[in-house]
Amino acid sequence: MIIAGAGGHAKEILGILQELKEVDGIILFDDLSGNRGEKIFGRFRIIDNDTDVKMELKKDPRFILGVGKPSSRKYMTEKFSSFGGVLTSVISPHARIGAFEVELGAGLNVMTGAVITQAVRIGKGTLVHINVTIHHDCNIGEFCEISPGCHILGKVSIGNFSSIGSGAIVLPGVKIGNNANVGAGAVVTKDVSDGATVMGVPARG
């Protein structure tokens, strides 16, 4: 199985896979850093070209997103899927996920300490990072990045490709559009339009 990425987030994914006892045969992909042939943690080999990716996907078609940025997550998904890869989720055994009306899309990363309660929908390719809480009746779009320590309160809607910065709080009922950015530590009290960037307490553009 391939992890699409070989930086810091990929290392965190490796930690979860170790806890799940699924690290055998893991290879990482990185075509930007020139680290071909090197090994992360002295064990996990890095490949950097499409030929090697296609060969590895023939052995095991699963791939995991190991990058954080929404646009990079979408790019990797499209690239690996075009080679016949199967987008695969990783969910930490130390995450808590509700029992009722929870819909999780393909290719999620749900990291250690994340709490997802009831009646929550999360779209394909989204990253729910360490110690995030997502409360009841939330709708999170595709390829979003919900950074460490965020609190998404009840009935919040977040559009596709949006990023919520570390420690941000989104108050109940707020709607955040597509391709929006919320700064670290912000408290979002009002709706955020498509493509907007907001920050501060309360968050403003």
N, C-alpha and C. Protein backbone atom coordinates (compact mmCIF):
# COMPACT_ATOMS: atom_id res chain seq x y z
N MET A 1 0.85 -1.19 0.00
CA MET A 1 0.00 0.00 0.00
C MET A 1 0.89 1.24 0.00
N ILE A 2 0.44 2.27 -0.72
CA ILE A 2 1.22 3.50 -0.86
C ILE A 2 0.60 4.62 -0.02
N ILE A 3 1.45 5.36 0.65
CA ILE A 3 1.06 6.63 1.25
C ILE A 3 1.48 7.72 0.27
N ALA A 4 0.52 8.51 -0.19
CA ALA A 4 0.79 9.58 -1.15
C ALA A 4 1.27 10.81 -0.38
N GLY A 5 2.59 10.89 -0.22
CA GLY A 5 3.22 11.93 0.56
C GLY A 5 4.30 11.30 1.43
N ALA A 6 5.29 12.10 1.82
CA ALA A 6 6.38 11.56 2.64
C ALA A 6 6.90 12.59 3.63
N GLY A 7 6.09 13.59 3.93
CA GLY A 7 6.49 14.62 4.89
C GLY A 7 5.95 14.33 6.28
N GLY A 8 5.74 15.41 7.05
CA GLY A 8 5.34 15.26 8.44
C GLY A 8 4.01 14.55 8.63
N HIS A 9 3.02 14.88 7.79
CA HIS A 9 1.72 14.23 7.96
C HIS A 9 1.80 12.75 7.63
N ALA A 10 2.59 12.40 6.63
CA ALA A 10 2.77 10.98 6.30
C ALA A 10 3.37 10.21 7.48
N LYS A 11 4.27 10.85 8.22
CA LYS A 11 4.84 10.20 9.40
C LYS A 11 3.76 9.94 10.44
N GLU A 12 2.83 10.87 10.60
CA GLU A 12 1.74 10.65 11.54
C GLU A 12 0.82 9.51 11.08
N ILE A 13 0.60 9.43 9.78
CA ILE A 13 -0.18 8.31 9.24
C ILE A 13 0.52 6.98 9.53
N LEU A 14 1.83 6.95 9.37
CA LEU A 14 2.59 5.73 9.69
C LEU A 14 2.38 5.31 11.14
N GLY A 15 2.33 6.29 12.05
CA GLY A 15 2.10 5.97 13.45
C GLY A 15 0.76 5.28 13.67
N ILE A 16 -0.28 5.77 12.98
CA ILE A 16 -1.60 5.14 13.10
C ILE A 16 -1.57 3.75 12.50
N LEU A 17 -0.95 3.59 11.34
CA LEU A 17 -0.89 2.27 10.72
C LEU A 17 -0.14 1.27 11.60
N GLN A 18 0.88 1.75 12.31
CA GLN A 18 1.59 0.88 13.25
C GLN A 18 0.65 0.41 14.35
N GLU A 19 -0.16 1.33 14.88
CA GLU A 19 -1.13 0.95 15.91
C GLU A 19 -2.15 -0.05 15.39
N LEU A 20 -2.48 0.08 14.10
CA LEU A 20 -3.44 -0.83 13.47
C LEU A 20 -2.79 -2.13 12.99
N LYS A 21 -1.46 -2.21 13.15
CA LYS A 21 -0.68 -3.37 12.70
C LYS A 21 -0.84 -3.58 11.18
N GLU A 22 -0.76 -2.46 10.44
CA GLU A 22 -0.90 -2.52 8.98
C GLU A 22 0.27 -1.84 8.27
N VAL A 23 1.46 -1.93 8.83
CA VAL A 23 2.61 -1.26 8.21
C VAL A 23 3.40 -2.14 7.25
N ASP A 24 3.15 -3.44 7.24
CA ASP A 24 3.90 -4.30 6.34
C ASP A 24 3.64 -3.93 4.89
N GLY A 25 4.70 -3.74 4.13
CA GLY A 25 4.58 -3.43 2.72
C GLY A 25 4.27 -1.98 2.39
N ILE A 26 4.29 -1.10 3.37
CA ILE A 26 3.99 0.31 3.12
C ILE A 26 5.15 0.98 2.39
N ILE A 27 4.82 1.74 1.34
CA ILE A 27 5.77 2.53 0.57
C ILE A 27 5.23 3.96 0.50
N LEU A 28 6.11 4.95 0.49
CA LEU A 28 5.69 6.34 0.41
C LEU A 28 6.07 6.94 -0.94
N PHE A 29 5.23 7.88 -1.41
CA PHE A 29 5.47 8.55 -2.68
C PHE A 29 5.79 10.02 -2.43
N ASP A 30 6.88 10.49 -3.06
CA ASP A 30 7.28 11.90 -2.96
C ASP A 30 8.07 12.24 -4.21
N ASP A 31 7.45 13.04 -5.10
CA ASP A 31 8.13 13.38 -6.35
C ASP A 31 8.70 14.80 -6.33
N LEU A 32 8.80 15.41 -5.15
CA LEU A 32 9.26 16.78 -5.06
C LEU A 32 10.60 16.95 -4.34
N SER A 33 10.91 16.11 -3.38
CA SER A 33 12.06 16.37 -2.50
C SER A 33 13.37 15.74 -2.95
N GLY A 34 13.33 14.87 -3.96
CA GLY A 34 14.56 14.21 -4.39
C GLY A 34 15.05 13.16 -3.41
N ASN A 35 14.13 12.58 -2.64
CA ASN A 35 14.51 11.58 -1.63
C ASN A 35 14.32 10.14 -2.10
N ARG A 36 14.26 9.94 -3.41
CA ARG A 36 14.06 8.59 -3.95
C ARG A 36 15.06 7.61 -3.35
N GLY A 37 14.55 6.46 -2.94
CA GLY A 37 15.41 5.41 -2.42
C GLY A 37 15.72 5.54 -0.94
N GLU A 38 15.48 6.71 -0.37
CA GLU A 38 15.69 6.86 1.07
C GLU A 38 14.58 6.15 1.84
N LYS A 39 14.81 5.99 3.14
CA LYS A 39 13.82 5.31 3.96
C LYS A 39 13.45 6.18 5.16
N ILE A 40 12.15 6.32 5.37
CA ILE A 40 11.66 7.03 6.55
C ILE A 40 11.70 6.07 7.74
N PHE A 41 12.19 6.57 8.86
CA PHE A 41 12.36 5.76 10.07
C PHE A 41 13.22 4.52 9.79
N GLY A 42 14.10 4.62 8.76
CA GLY A 42 14.99 3.53 8.43
C GLY A 42 14.30 2.30 7.89
N ARG A 43 13.02 2.45 7.51
CA ARG A 43 12.24 1.26 7.16
C ARG A 43 11.37 1.41 5.92
N PHE A 44 10.77 2.60 5.74
CA PHE A 44 9.73 2.75 4.72
C PHE A 44 10.30 3.47 3.51
N ARG A 45 10.36 2.76 2.38
CA ARG A 45 11.00 3.24 1.17
C ARG A 45 10.17 4.33 0.49
N ILE A 46 10.88 5.29 -0.15
CA ILE A 46 10.24 6.36 -0.90
C ILE A 46 10.42 6.11 -2.40
N ILE A 47 9.32 6.23 -3.15
CA ILE A 47 9.38 6.20 -4.61
C ILE A 47 8.97 7.57 -5.13
N ASP A 48 9.36 7.87 -6.40
CA ASP A 48 9.14 9.24 -6.87
C ASP A 48 8.68 9.35 -8.32
N ASN A 49 8.24 8.24 -8.93
CA ASN A 49 7.85 8.34 -10.34
C ASN A 49 6.63 7.47 -10.63
N ASP A 50 5.94 7.81 -11.72
CA ASP A 50 4.69 7.15 -12.06
C ASP A 50 4.87 5.67 -12.37
N THR A 51 5.99 5.31 -12.97
CA THR A 51 6.22 3.89 -13.30
C THR A 51 6.23 3.05 -12.04
N ASP A 52 6.94 3.49 -11.02
CA ASP A 52 6.98 2.76 -9.76
C ASP A 52 5.61 2.74 -9.08
N VAL A 53 4.88 3.87 -9.16
CA VAL A 53 3.55 3.91 -8.56
C VAL A 53 2.65 2.87 -9.21
N LYS A 54 2.64 2.84 -10.53
CA LYS A 54 1.78 1.88 -11.23
C LYS A 54 2.15 0.44 -10.87
N MET A 55 3.44 0.16 -10.75
CA MET A 55 3.89 -1.18 -10.40
C MET A 55 3.41 -1.57 -9.00
N GLU A 56 3.53 -0.63 -8.06
CA GLU A 56 3.11 -0.93 -6.69
C GLU A 56 1.59 -1.07 -6.58
N LEU A 57 0.85 -0.28 -7.36
CA LEU A 57 -0.61 -0.38 -7.31
C LEU A 57 -1.11 -1.69 -7.91
N LYS A 58 -0.34 -2.28 -8.80
CA LYS A 58 -0.72 -3.61 -9.30
C LYS A 58 -0.62 -4.66 -8.21
N LYS A 59 0.34 -4.48 -7.29
CA LYS A 59 0.49 -5.40 -6.17
C LYS A 59 -0.61 -5.20 -5.13
N ASP A 60 -0.91 -3.93 -4.87
CA ASP A 60 -1.92 -3.56 -3.88
C ASP A 60 -2.49 -2.22 -4.32
N PRO A 61 -3.75 -2.16 -4.77
CA PRO A 61 -4.30 -0.93 -5.35
C PRO A 61 -4.61 0.17 -4.34
N ARG A 62 -4.53 -0.11 -3.06
CA ARG A 62 -4.90 0.88 -2.06
C ARG A 62 -3.85 1.99 -1.94
N PHE A 63 -4.34 3.22 -1.78
CA PHE A 63 -3.44 4.33 -1.44
C PHE A 63 -4.11 5.21 -0.40
N ILE A 64 -3.26 5.83 0.44
CA ILE A 64 -3.69 6.68 1.54
C ILE A 64 -3.14 8.07 1.31
N LEU A 65 -3.94 9.09 1.56
CA LEU A 65 -3.47 10.46 1.44
C LEU A 65 -2.58 10.82 2.62
N GLY A 66 -1.35 11.23 2.32
CA GLY A 66 -0.38 11.56 3.36
C GLY A 66 0.08 13.00 3.28
N VAL A 67 -0.77 13.86 2.70
CA VAL A 67 -0.50 15.30 2.62
C VAL A 67 -1.70 16.02 3.24
N GLY A 68 -1.50 17.27 3.68
CA GLY A 68 -2.56 17.98 4.38
C GLY A 68 -3.33 18.98 3.55
N LYS A 69 -2.66 19.69 2.66
CA LYS A 69 -3.28 20.78 1.91
C LYS A 69 -4.42 20.26 1.02
N PRO A 70 -5.60 20.88 1.07
CA PRO A 70 -6.72 20.37 0.28
C PRO A 70 -6.43 20.17 -1.20
N SER A 71 -5.77 21.14 -1.85
CA SER A 71 -5.49 20.99 -3.27
C SER A 71 -4.54 19.83 -3.54
N SER A 72 -3.58 19.60 -2.65
CA SER A 72 -2.66 18.48 -2.81
C SER A 72 -3.37 17.14 -2.61
N ARG A 73 -4.30 17.11 -1.67
CA ARG A 73 -5.07 15.88 -1.44
C ARG A 73 -5.92 15.53 -2.67
N LYS A 74 -6.53 16.54 -3.27
CA LYS A 74 -7.31 16.29 -4.49
C LYS A 74 -6.40 15.85 -5.63
N TYR A 75 -5.26 16.52 -5.80
CA TYR A 75 -4.33 16.17 -6.88
C TYR A 75 -3.86 14.72 -6.75
N MET A 76 -3.45 14.33 -5.55
CA MET A 76 -2.98 12.97 -5.34
C MET A 76 -4.09 11.95 -5.59
N THR A 77 -5.29 12.28 -5.18
CA THR A 77 -6.42 11.38 -5.41
C THR A 77 -6.65 11.16 -6.90
N GLU A 78 -6.66 12.24 -7.65
CA GLU A 78 -6.90 12.12 -9.09
C GLU A 78 -5.77 11.37 -9.78
N LYS A 79 -4.54 11.66 -9.38
CA LYS A 79 -3.37 11.02 -10.00
C LYS A 79 -3.37 9.51 -9.76
N PHE A 80 -3.50 9.11 -8.50
CA PHE A 80 -3.42 7.70 -8.17
C PHE A 80 -4.65 6.94 -8.66
N SER A 81 -5.80 7.58 -8.63
CA SER A 81 -7.01 6.92 -9.14
C SER A 81 -6.91 6.67 -10.64
N SER A 82 -6.26 7.58 -11.36
CA SER A 82 -6.10 7.40 -12.81
C SER A 82 -5.22 6.20 -13.14
N PHE A 83 -4.41 5.75 -12.16
CA PHE A 83 -3.57 4.57 -12.33
C PHE A 83 -4.24 3.30 -11.81
N GLY A 84 -5.51 3.42 -11.44
CA GLY A 84 -6.23 2.26 -10.92
C GLY A 84 -6.18 2.12 -9.41
N GLY A 85 -5.67 3.14 -8.72
CA GLY A 85 -5.59 3.09 -7.27
C GLY A 85 -6.95 3.24 -6.61
N VAL A 86 -7.05 2.72 -5.40
CA VAL A 86 -8.29 2.77 -4.61
C VAL A 86 -8.04 3.65 -3.39
N LEU A 87 -8.73 4.78 -3.34
CA LEU A 87 -8.58 5.72 -2.23
C LEU A 87 -9.06 5.07 -0.93
N THR A 88 -8.21 5.09 0.09
CA THR A 88 -8.44 4.31 1.31
C THR A 88 -8.34 5.21 2.54
N SER A 89 -9.27 5.04 3.46
CA SER A 89 -9.28 5.82 4.70
C SER A 89 -8.35 5.23 5.75
N VAL A 90 -7.86 6.09 6.62
CA VAL A 90 -7.16 5.67 7.83
C VAL A 90 -7.84 6.34 9.02
N ILE A 91 -8.29 5.53 9.96
CA ILE A 91 -8.98 6.04 11.14
C ILE A 91 -8.25 5.54 12.38
N SER A 92 -7.78 6.45 13.19
CA SER A 92 -7.04 6.08 14.39
C SER A 92 -7.92 5.24 15.32
N PRO A 93 -7.35 4.21 15.94
CA PRO A 93 -8.10 3.45 16.93
C PRO A 93 -8.43 4.28 18.17
N HIS A 94 -7.80 5.45 18.28
CA HIS A 94 -8.04 6.34 19.42
C HIS A 94 -8.95 7.52 19.05
N ALA A 95 -9.60 7.43 17.89
CA ALA A 95 -10.67 8.37 17.54
C ALA A 95 -12.00 7.80 18.01
N ARG A 96 -12.95 8.68 18.26
CA ARG A 96 -14.29 8.24 18.68
C ARG A 96 -15.30 8.73 17.65
N ILE A 97 -16.07 7.78 17.11
CA ILE A 97 -17.02 8.08 16.05
C ILE A 97 -18.40 7.64 16.48
N GLY A 98 -19.38 8.51 16.32
CA GLY A 98 -20.73 8.26 16.77
C GLY A 98 -21.38 7.06 16.09
N ALA A 99 -22.42 6.56 16.74
CA ALA A 99 -23.10 5.35 16.27
C ALA A 99 -24.28 5.63 15.35
N PHE A 100 -24.74 6.88 15.27
CA PHE A 100 -25.99 7.16 14.60
C PHE A 100 -25.83 8.17 13.47
N GLU A 101 -26.19 7.73 12.25
CA GLU A 101 -26.25 8.59 11.07
C GLU A 101 -24.94 9.33 10.80
N VAL A 102 -23.85 8.61 10.92
CA VAL A 102 -22.54 9.16 10.56
C VAL A 102 -22.16 8.62 9.19
N GLU A 103 -21.87 9.51 8.25
CA GLU A 103 -21.47 9.13 6.90
C GLU A 103 -20.05 9.62 6.64
N LEU A 104 -19.14 8.69 6.42
CA LEU A 104 -17.74 9.03 6.20
C LEU A 104 -17.35 8.68 4.77
N GLY A 105 -16.87 9.66 4.02
CA GLY A 105 -16.46 9.44 2.65
C GLY A 105 -15.17 8.65 2.55
N ALA A 106 -14.83 8.26 1.34
CA ALA A 106 -13.60 7.51 1.09
C ALA A 106 -12.38 8.39 1.32
N GLY A 107 -11.29 7.78 1.73
CA GLY A 107 -10.01 8.46 1.78
C GLY A 107 -9.83 9.45 2.89
N LEU A 108 -10.59 9.30 3.98
CA LEU A 108 -10.43 10.21 5.11
C LEU A 108 -9.18 9.86 5.90
N ASN A 109 -8.61 10.86 6.56
CA ASN A 109 -7.66 10.66 7.66
C ASN A 109 -8.36 11.15 8.91
N VAL A 110 -8.64 10.27 9.84
CA VAL A 110 -9.22 10.66 11.12
C VAL A 110 -8.18 10.33 12.18
N MET A 111 -7.59 11.37 12.76
CA MET A 111 -6.39 11.21 13.55
C MET A 111 -6.69 11.01 15.03
N THR A 112 -5.64 10.76 15.78
CA THR A 112 -5.73 10.44 17.21
C THR A 112 -6.47 11.53 17.99
N GLY A 113 -7.41 11.11 18.81
CA GLY A 113 -8.13 12.02 19.68
C GLY A 113 -9.30 12.73 19.03
N ALA A 114 -9.54 12.51 17.74
CA ALA A 114 -10.68 13.13 17.08
C ALA A 114 -11.98 12.55 17.63
N VAL A 115 -12.98 13.41 17.76
CA VAL A 115 -14.30 12.99 18.22
C VAL A 115 -15.33 13.47 17.20
N ILE A 116 -16.05 12.53 16.63
CA ILE A 116 -17.13 12.82 15.68
C ILE A 116 -18.39 12.26 16.31
N THR A 117 -19.39 13.11 16.56
CA THR A 117 -20.55 12.64 17.30
C THR A 117 -21.62 12.10 16.35
N GLN A 118 -22.86 12.52 16.48
CA GLN A 118 -23.96 11.89 15.75
C GLN A 118 -24.44 12.76 14.59
N ALA A 119 -25.00 12.09 13.57
CA ALA A 119 -25.61 12.77 12.42
C ALA A 119 -24.61 13.72 11.75
N VAL A 120 -23.44 13.19 11.49
CA VAL A 120 -22.36 13.97 10.86
C VAL A 120 -22.04 13.35 9.50
N ARG A 121 -21.88 14.20 8.51
CA ARG A 121 -21.44 13.75 7.19
C ARG A 121 -20.11 14.41 6.86
N ILE A 122 -19.13 13.60 6.43
CA ILE A 122 -17.82 14.11 6.04
C ILE A 122 -17.50 13.59 4.64
N GLY A 123 -17.18 14.48 3.73
CA GLY A 123 -16.95 14.11 2.34
C GLY A 123 -15.59 13.48 2.09
N LYS A 124 -15.46 12.98 0.89
CA LYS A 124 -14.26 12.26 0.43
C LYS A 124 -12.99 13.07 0.63
N GLY A 125 -11.94 12.39 1.08
CA GLY A 125 -10.60 12.97 1.09
C GLY A 125 -10.32 14.00 2.16
N THR A 126 -11.21 14.15 3.12
CA THR A 126 -11.01 15.18 4.15
C THR A 126 -10.09 14.68 5.26
N LEU A 127 -9.34 15.61 5.85
CA LEU A 127 -8.44 15.35 6.96
C LEU A 127 -9.05 15.91 8.24
N VAL A 128 -9.33 15.03 9.19
CA VAL A 128 -9.80 15.42 10.52
C VAL A 128 -8.64 15.17 11.46
N HIS A 129 -8.00 16.23 11.91
CA HIS A 129 -6.70 16.09 12.56
C HIS A 129 -6.82 15.80 14.07
N ILE A 130 -5.68 15.79 14.72
CA ILE A 130 -5.57 15.41 16.13
C ILE A 130 -6.46 16.31 17.01
N ASN A 131 -7.23 15.65 17.89
CA ASN A 131 -8.04 16.33 18.91
C ASN A 131 -9.07 17.30 18.34
N VAL A 132 -9.55 17.02 17.14
CA VAL A 132 -10.66 17.78 16.57
C VAL A 132 -11.97 17.24 17.14
N THR A 133 -12.94 18.13 17.37
CA THR A 133 -14.29 17.67 17.71
C THR A 133 -15.27 18.20 16.66
N ILE A 134 -16.11 17.31 16.17
CA ILE A 134 -17.16 17.65 15.22
C ILE A 134 -18.47 17.20 15.82
N HIS A 135 -19.33 18.15 16.10
CA HIS A 135 -20.54 17.87 16.86
C HIS A 135 -21.72 17.54 15.94
N HIS A 136 -22.85 17.29 16.53
CA HIS A 136 -24.04 16.77 15.86
C HIS A 136 -24.48 17.61 14.65
N ASP A 137 -24.99 16.91 13.64
CA ASP A 137 -25.65 17.52 12.49
C ASP A 137 -24.74 18.43 11.67
N CYS A 138 -23.44 18.11 11.64
CA CYS A 138 -22.51 18.87 10.80
C CYS A 138 -22.36 18.22 9.43
N ASN A 139 -22.06 19.05 8.46
CA ASN A 139 -21.83 18.58 7.09
C ASN A 139 -20.51 19.17 6.62
N ILE A 140 -19.49 18.32 6.50
CA ILE A 140 -18.14 18.74 6.08
C ILE A 140 -17.93 18.27 4.65
N GLY A 141 -17.44 19.13 3.79
CA GLY A 141 -17.28 18.81 2.38
C GLY A 141 -16.10 17.93 2.06
N GLU A 142 -15.80 17.83 0.78
CA GLU A 142 -14.70 17.00 0.28
C GLU A 142 -13.37 17.75 0.37
N PHE A 143 -12.31 17.00 0.62
CA PHE A 143 -10.93 17.49 0.59
C PHE A 143 -10.72 18.73 1.47
N CYS A 144 -11.34 18.71 2.63
CA CYS A 144 -11.12 19.77 3.61
C CYS A 144 -9.97 19.39 4.53
N GLU A 145 -9.41 20.41 5.19
CA GLU A 145 -8.39 20.20 6.21
C GLU A 145 -8.89 20.83 7.51
N ILE A 146 -9.21 19.98 8.48
CA ILE A 146 -9.65 20.43 9.79
C ILE A 146 -8.46 20.23 10.72
N SER A 147 -7.77 21.30 11.06
CA SER A 147 -6.46 21.24 11.71
C SER A 147 -6.57 20.88 13.19
N PRO A 148 -5.43 20.55 13.82
CA PRO A 148 -5.46 20.07 15.22
C PRO A 148 -6.18 21.03 16.17
N GLY A 149 -6.97 20.42 17.05
CA GLY A 149 -7.60 21.16 18.12
C GLY A 149 -8.79 22.00 17.74
N CYS A 150 -9.31 21.85 16.52
CA CYS A 150 -10.50 22.61 16.12
C CYS A 150 -11.75 22.05 16.79
N HIS A 151 -12.72 22.93 17.01
CA HIS A 151 -14.02 22.52 17.53
C HIS A 151 -15.10 23.02 16.58
N ILE A 152 -15.75 22.07 15.92
CA ILE A 152 -16.81 22.37 14.96
C ILE A 152 -18.12 22.03 15.67
N LEU A 153 -18.88 23.05 16.05
CA LEU A 153 -20.06 22.83 16.87
C LEU A 153 -21.28 22.47 16.02
N GLY A 154 -22.41 22.23 16.67
CA GLY A 154 -23.55 21.62 16.01
C GLY A 154 -24.10 22.40 14.83
N LYS A 155 -24.55 21.64 13.82
CA LYS A 155 -25.24 22.17 12.63
C LYS A 155 -24.37 23.11 11.81
N VAL A 156 -23.08 22.91 11.85
CA VAL A 156 -22.15 23.69 11.00
C VAL A 156 -22.04 23.02 9.64
N SER A 157 -21.91 23.83 8.61
CA SER A 157 -21.67 23.35 7.25
C SER A 157 -20.36 23.94 6.74
N ILE A 158 -19.48 23.09 6.22
CA ILE A 158 -18.20 23.53 5.67
C ILE A 158 -18.11 23.01 4.24
N GLY A 159 -17.84 23.89 3.28
CA GLY A 159 -17.80 23.52 1.88
C GLY A 159 -16.54 22.77 1.49
N ASN A 160 -16.46 22.37 0.24
CA ASN A 160 -15.34 21.61 -0.29
C ASN A 160 -14.06 22.45 -0.30
N PHE A 161 -12.92 21.79 -0.08
CA PHE A 161 -11.58 22.38 -0.23
C PHE A 161 -11.31 23.51 0.76
N SER A 162 -11.99 23.52 1.88
CA SER A 162 -11.78 24.57 2.87
C SER A 162 -10.82 24.11 3.96
N SER A 163 -10.12 25.08 4.56
CA SER A 163 -9.15 24.80 5.62
C SER A 163 -9.56 25.54 6.88
N ILE A 164 -9.58 24.80 7.99
CA ILE A 164 -9.88 25.38 9.29
C ILE A 164 -8.61 25.30 10.12
N GLY A 165 -8.06 26.44 10.52
CA GLY A 165 -6.76 26.49 11.19
C GLY A 165 -6.78 25.92 12.59
N SER A 166 -5.60 25.59 13.09
CA SER A 166 -5.45 24.95 14.39
C SER A 166 -6.12 25.76 15.50
N GLY A 167 -6.89 25.06 16.33
CA GLY A 167 -7.51 25.68 17.48
C GLY A 167 -8.70 26.56 17.19
N ALA A 168 -9.14 26.62 15.94
CA ALA A 168 -10.31 27.44 15.61
C ALA A 168 -11.58 26.83 16.18
N ILE A 169 -12.55 27.69 16.45
CA ILE A 169 -13.87 27.27 16.92
C ILE A 169 -14.90 27.82 15.95
N VAL A 170 -15.77 26.95 15.46
CA VAL A 170 -16.86 27.37 14.58
C VAL A 170 -18.16 27.19 15.35
N LEU A 171 -18.87 28.27 15.59
CA LEU A 171 -20.05 28.24 16.45
C LEU A 171 -21.26 27.62 15.75
N PRO A 172 -22.24 27.19 16.51
CA PRO A 172 -23.36 26.42 15.96
C PRO A 172 -24.08 27.14 14.81
N GLY A 173 -24.40 26.37 13.78
CA GLY A 173 -25.21 26.85 12.68
C GLY A 173 -24.49 27.66 11.64
N VAL A 174 -23.19 27.90 11.81
CA VAL A 174 -22.43 28.70 10.84
C VAL A 174 -22.22 27.92 9.55
N LYS A 175 -22.28 28.63 8.43
CA LYS A 175 -22.02 28.03 7.11
C LYS A 175 -20.72 28.63 6.56
N ILE A 176 -19.79 27.75 6.23
CA ILE A 176 -18.51 28.15 5.63
C ILE A 176 -18.50 27.63 4.20
N GLY A 177 -18.18 28.48 3.26
CA GLY A 177 -18.27 28.13 1.85
C GLY A 177 -17.13 27.25 1.35
N ASN A 178 -17.09 27.06 0.04
CA ASN A 178 -16.03 26.31 -0.62
C ASN A 178 -14.74 27.14 -0.67
N ASN A 179 -13.61 26.46 -0.60
CA ASN A 179 -12.30 27.11 -0.76
C ASN A 179 -12.07 28.25 0.23
N ALA A 180 -12.67 28.13 1.40
CA ALA A 180 -12.51 29.16 2.43
C ALA A 180 -11.36 28.79 3.36
N ASN A 181 -10.83 29.80 4.04
CA ASN A 181 -9.74 29.60 4.99
C ASN A 181 -10.07 30.30 6.30
N VAL A 182 -9.98 29.56 7.39
CA VAL A 182 -10.20 30.10 8.72
C VAL A 182 -8.87 30.07 9.45
N GLY A 183 -8.43 31.20 9.97
CA GLY A 183 -7.14 31.29 10.63
C GLY A 183 -7.07 30.53 11.94
N ALA A 184 -5.85 30.20 12.34
CA ALA A 184 -5.62 29.50 13.61
C ALA A 184 -6.16 30.32 14.76
N GLY A 185 -6.87 29.66 15.66
CA GLY A 185 -7.38 30.31 16.86
C GLY A 185 -8.59 31.19 16.66
N ALA A 186 -9.11 31.25 15.45
CA ALA A 186 -10.27 32.10 15.17
C ALA A 186 -11.53 31.55 15.83
N VAL A 187 -12.44 32.44 16.11
CA VAL A 187 -13.78 32.05 16.57
C VAL A 187 -14.77 32.55 15.52
N VAL A 188 -15.36 31.61 14.80
CA VAL A 188 -16.21 31.97 13.67
C VAL A 188 -17.66 32.04 14.16
N THR A 189 -18.20 33.25 14.13
CA THR A 189 -19.56 33.49 14.64
C THR A 189 -20.57 33.75 13.53
N LYS A 190 -20.08 34.03 12.31
CA LYS A 190 -20.96 34.34 11.19
C LYS A 190 -20.55 33.52 9.96
N ASP A 191 -21.45 33.42 9.00
CA ASP A 191 -21.18 32.68 7.78
C ASP A 191 -19.97 33.25 7.05
N VAL A 192 -19.25 32.35 6.36
CA VAL A 192 -18.05 32.71 5.60
C VAL A 192 -18.30 32.36 4.13
N SER A 193 -18.13 33.30 3.24
CA SER A 193 -18.45 33.08 1.83
C SER A 193 -17.36 32.28 1.12
N ASP A 194 -17.69 31.77 -0.05
CA ASP A 194 -16.74 31.00 -0.87
C ASP A 194 -15.46 31.80 -1.07
N GLY A 195 -14.32 31.14 -0.88
CA GLY A 195 -13.03 31.74 -1.17
C GLY A 195 -12.54 32.76 -0.17
N ALA A 196 -13.30 33.03 0.86
CA ALA A 196 -12.92 34.06 1.83
C ALA A 196 -11.90 33.53 2.84
N THR A 197 -11.11 34.44 3.39
CA THR A 197 -10.20 34.13 4.50
C THR A 197 -10.62 34.98 5.69
N VAL A 198 -10.82 34.32 6.84
CA VAL A 198 -11.20 35.05 8.05
C VAL A 198 -10.26 34.66 9.19
N MET A 199 -10.09 35.58 10.13
CA MET A 199 -9.23 35.30 11.28
C MET A 199 -9.63 36.21 12.43
N GLY A 200 -9.18 35.83 13.62
CA GLY A 200 -9.41 36.66 14.78
C GLY A 200 -10.60 36.21 15.62
N VAL A 201 -10.84 36.97 16.69
CA VAL A 201 -11.93 36.69 17.64
C VAL A 201 -12.73 37.97 17.83
N PRO A 202 -13.94 38.06 17.29
CA PRO A 202 -14.55 37.08 16.37
C PRO A 202 -13.88 37.16 15.00
N ALA A 203 -14.04 36.12 14.21
CA ALA A 203 -13.36 36.05 12.91
C ALA A 203 -13.92 37.08 11.94
N ARG A 204 -12.98 37.77 11.26
CA ARG A 204 -13.35 38.75 10.23
C ARG A 204 -12.43 38.58 9.03
N GLY A 205 -12.91 39.04 7.88
CA GLY A 205 -12.13 38.96 6.66
C GLY A 205 -11.10 40.07 6.57
